[in-house]
Amino acid sequence: MRRSAFFIRFIGIGVLFHLYVSVRLISDAPGGMPWKVLAALLLVASVVLIPIGMSARNIEGQPLADRLAWLGLTAIVFFVAAAHLRARCDAAHRASRQLVARHAGRFARTGRQ
């Protein structure tokens, strides 16, 4: 596979992950519209900065390449943290629903609320 084809697929998968996190994270976020807009802007910045940071080694100027690589890696760390927290939250929600469904009959039989 050519390098450009890999990079295009990498960006496409990254955009899909960012869309998933944005739909799941921003729609459930507490707070007003300014916080949701800020979160959306941070995710858009992350979509842009991650590929730039990955391709920073091809830049001739060393200080610029270092700064762009740092920005890209920082964006990766923050995005992975947000995606991980969202996945853990989804798993906990799923487990609690299963637990309630499993024990709902027990409370109905004993008359406790």
C-alpha atoms as a PDB file:
ATOM      1  CA  MET A   1       0.000   0.000   0.000  1.00  0.00           C
ATOM      2  CA  ARG A   2       1.345   3.407  -0.915  1.00  0.00           C
ATOM      3  CA  ARG A   3       2.052   5.899   1.819  1.00  0.00           C
ATOM      4  CA  SER A   4      -0.575   8.355   0.572  1.00  0.00           C
ATOM      5  CA  ALA A   5      -3.279   5.676   0.508  1.00  0.00           C
ATOM      6  CA  PHE A   6      -2.416   4.700   4.078  1.00  0.00           C
ATOM      7  CA  PHE A   7      -2.505   8.334   5.181  1.00  0.00           C
ATOM      8  CA  ILE A   8      -5.906   8.903   3.554  1.00  0.00           C
ATOM      9  CA  ARG A   9      -7.321   5.820   5.280  1.00  0.00           C
ATOM     10  CA  PHE A  10      -5.786   6.904   8.575  1.00  0.00           C
ATOM     11  CA  ILE A  11      -7.426  10.323   8.285  1.00  0.00           C
ATOM     12  CA  GLY A  12     -10.781   8.744   7.344  1.00  0.00           C
ATOM     13  CA  ILE A  13     -10.747   6.408  10.333  1.00  0.00           C
ATOM     14  CA  GLY A  14      -9.690   9.283  12.576  1.00  0.00           C
ATOM     15  CA  VAL A  15     -12.563  11.426  11.341  1.00  0.00           C
ATOM     16  CA  LEU A  16     -15.022   8.580  12.005  1.00  0.00           C
ATOM     17  CA  PHE A  17     -13.692   8.150  15.569  1.00  0.00           C
ATOM     18  CA  HIS A  18     -13.971  11.890  16.129  1.00  0.00           C
ATOM     19  CA  LEU A  19     -17.556  11.886  14.857  1.00  0.00           C
ATOM     20  CA  TYR A  20     -18.450   9.037  17.214  1.00  0.00           C
ATOM     21  CA  VAL A  21     -16.901  10.770  20.204  1.00  0.00           C
ATOM     22  CA  SER A  22     -18.490  14.091  19.308  1.00  0.00           C
ATOM     23  CA  VAL A  23     -21.953  12.594  18.956  1.00  0.00           C
ATOM     24  CA  ARG A  24     -21.681  10.599  22.180  1.00  0.00           C
ATOM     25  CA  LEU A  25     -19.766  13.169  24.239  1.00  0.00           C
ATOM     26  CA  ILE A  26     -21.133  16.533  23.179  1.00  0.00           C
ATOM     27  CA  SER A  27     -24.777  15.482  23.021  1.00  0.00           C
ATOM     28  CA  ASP A  28     -24.663  14.165  26.617  1.00  0.00           C
ATOM     29  CA  ALA A  29     -22.514  16.948  28.040  1.00  0.00           C
ATOM     30  CA  PRO A  30     -23.962  19.046  30.833  1.00  0.00           C
ATOM     31  CA  GLY A  31     -23.766  22.784  30.541  1.00  0.00           C
ATOM     32  CA  GLY A  32     -24.901  25.303  28.052  1.00  0.00           C
ATOM     33  CA  MET A  33     -24.289  25.839  24.405  1.00  0.00           C
ATOM     34  CA  PRO A  34     -20.929  27.663  24.846  1.00  0.00           C
ATOM     35  CA  TRP A  35     -19.371  24.537  26.391  1.00  0.00           C
ATOM     36  CA  LYS A  36     -20.690  22.347  23.612  1.00  0.00           C
ATOM     37  CA  VAL A  37     -19.347  24.726  20.963  1.00  0.00           C
ATOM     38  CA  LEU A  38     -15.960  24.767  22.717  1.00  0.00           C
ATOM     39  CA  ALA A  39     -15.888  20.957  22.800  1.00  0.00           C
ATOM     40  CA  ALA A  40     -16.782  20.803  19.104  1.00  0.00           C
ATOM     41  CA  LEU A  41     -14.009  23.281  18.262  1.00  0.00           C
ATOM     42  CA  LEU A  42     -11.501  21.234  20.261  1.00  0.00           C
ATOM     43  CA  LEU A  43     -12.498  18.092  18.378  1.00  0.00           C
ATOM     44  CA  VAL A  44     -12.166  19.882  15.035  1.00  0.00           C
ATOM     45  CA  ALA A  45      -8.727  21.144  16.094  1.00  0.00           C
ATOM     46  CA  SER A  46      -7.828  17.584  17.050  1.00  0.00           C
ATOM     47  CA  VAL A  47      -8.890  16.277  13.617  1.00  0.00           C
ATOM     48  CA  VAL A  48      -6.622  18.843  11.986  1.00  0.00           C
ATOM     49  CA  LEU A  49      -3.650  18.663  14.381  1.00  0.00           C
ATOM     50  CA  ILE A  50      -3.243  14.886  14.537  1.00  0.00           C
ATOM     51  CA  PRO A  51      -2.387  14.391  10.836  1.00  0.00           C
ATOM     52  CA  ILE A  52      -0.212  17.519  10.856  1.00  0.00           C
ATOM     53  CA  GLY A  53       1.701  16.157  13.825  1.00  0.00           C
ATOM     54  CA  MET A  54       2.090  12.783  12.129  1.00  0.00           C
ATOM     55  CA  SER A  55       3.560  14.383   9.004  1.00  0.00           C
ATOM     56  CA  ALA A  56       5.754  16.896  10.869  1.00  0.00           C
ATOM     57  CA  ARG A  57       8.886  14.822  10.315  1.00  0.00           C
ATOM     58  CA  ASN A  58       8.746  15.743   6.618  1.00  0.00           C
ATOM     59  CA  ILE A  59       9.147  19.470   7.412  1.00  0.00           C
ATOM     60  CA  GLU A  60      12.645  20.860   6.891  1.00  0.00           C
ATOM     61  CA  GLY A  61      12.699  23.452   9.699  1.00  0.00           C
ATOM     62  CA  GLN A  62      13.502  21.576  12.922  1.00  0.00           C
ATOM     63  CA  PRO A  63      11.868  23.995  15.421  1.00  0.00           C
ATOM     64  CA  LEU A  64       8.659  24.140  13.378  1.00  0.00           C
ATOM     65  CA  ALA A  65       8.602  20.361  12.951  1.00  0.00           C
ATOM     66  CA  ASP A  66       9.116  19.897  16.690  1.00  0.00           C
ATOM     67  CA  ARG A  67       6.287  22.271  17.576  1.00  0.00           C
ATOM     68  CA  LEU A  68       3.874  20.697  15.099  1.00  0.00           C
ATOM     69  CA  ALA A  69       4.760  17.201  16.307  1.00  0.00           C
ATOM     70  CA  TRP A  70       4.177  18.297  19.904  1.00  0.00           C
ATOM     71  CA  LEU A  71       0.783  19.797  19.009  1.00  0.00           C
ATOM     72  CA  GLY A  72      -0.221  16.629  17.147  1.00  0.00           C
ATOM     73  CA  LEU A  73       0.827  14.324  19.981  1.00  0.00           C
ATOM     74  CA  THR A  74      -0.936  16.508  22.549  1.00  0.00           C
ATOM     75  CA  ALA A  75      -4.100  16.353  20.455  1.00  0.00           C
ATOM     76  CA  ILE A  76      -3.789  12.549  20.272  1.00  0.00           C
ATOM     77  CA  VAL A  77      -3.447  12.284  24.051  1.00  0.00           C
ATOM     78  CA  PHE A  78      -6.488  14.457  24.726  1.00  0.00           C
ATOM     79  CA  PHE A  79      -8.592  12.699  22.114  1.00  0.00           C
ATOM     80  CA  VAL A  80      -7.666   9.235  23.372  1.00  0.00           C
ATOM     81  CA  ALA A  81      -8.517  10.316  26.923  1.00  0.00           C
ATOM     82  CA  ALA A  82     -11.929  11.604  25.798  1.00  0.00           C
ATOM     83  CA  ALA A  83     -12.629   8.473  23.750  1.00  0.00           C
ATOM     84  CA  HIS A  84     -11.544   6.226  26.620  1.00  0.00           C
ATOM     85  CA  LEU A  85     -13.756   8.035  29.126  1.00  0.00           C
ATOM     86  CA  ARG A  86     -16.692   7.854  26.726  1.00  0.00           C
ATOM     87  CA  ALA A  87     -16.186   4.125  26.192  1.00  0.00           C
ATOM     88  CA  ARG A  88     -15.951   3.517  29.954  1.00  0.00           C
ATOM     89  CA  CYS A  89     -19.096   5.556  30.510  1.00  0.00           C
ATOM     90  CA  ASP A  90     -20.936   3.563  27.831  1.00  0.00           C
ATOM     91  CA  ALA A  91     -19.770   0.268  29.370  1.00  0.00           C
ATOM     92  CA  ALA A  92     -20.858   1.328  32.858  1.00  0.00           C
ATOM     93  CA  HIS A  93     -24.242   2.431  31.531  1.00  0.00           C
ATOM     94  CA  ARG A  94     -24.694  -0.879  29.720  1.00  0.00           C
ATOM     95  CA  ALA A  95     -23.698  -2.870  32.821  1.00  0.00           C
ATOM     96  CA  SER A  96     -26.071  -0.928  35.059  1.00  0.00           C
ATOM     97  CA  ARG A  97     -28.970  -1.482  32.657  1.00  0.00           C
ATOM     98  CA  GLN A  98     -28.256  -5.220  32.607  1.00  0.00           C
ATOM     99  CA  LEU A  99     -28.043  -5.289  36.395  1.00  0.00           C
ATOM    100  CA  VAL A 100     -31.359  -3.491  36.773  1.00  0.00           C
ATOM    101  CA  ALA A 101     -33.006  -5.756  34.194  1.00  0.00           C
ATOM    102  CA  ARG A 102     -31.698  -8.859  35.968  1.00  0.00           C
ATOM    103  CA  HIS A 103     -32.924  -7.813  39.422  1.00  0.00           C
ATOM    104  CA  ALA A 104     -36.120  -5.941  38.495  1.00  0.00           C
ATOM    105  CA  GLY A 105     -38.245  -9.060  38.969  1.00  0.00           C
ATOM    106  CA  ARG A 106     -36.908  -9.594  42.475  1.00  0.00           C
ATOM    107  CA  PHE A 107     -38.134  -6.186  43.630  1.00  0.00           C
ATOM    108  CA  ALA A 108     -41.532  -6.690  41.984  1.00  0.00           C
ATOM    109  CA  ARG A 109     -42.107 -10.004  43.792  1.00  0.00           C
ATOM    110  CA  THR A 110     -41.242  -8.720  47.269  1.00  0.00           C
ATOM    111  CA  GLY A 111     -43.221  -5.518  46.959  1.00  0.00           C
ATOM    112  CA  ARG A 112     -40.221  -3.300  47.739  1.00  0.00           C
ATOM    113  CA  GLN A 113     -39.686  -0.178  45.725  1.00  0.00           C
END
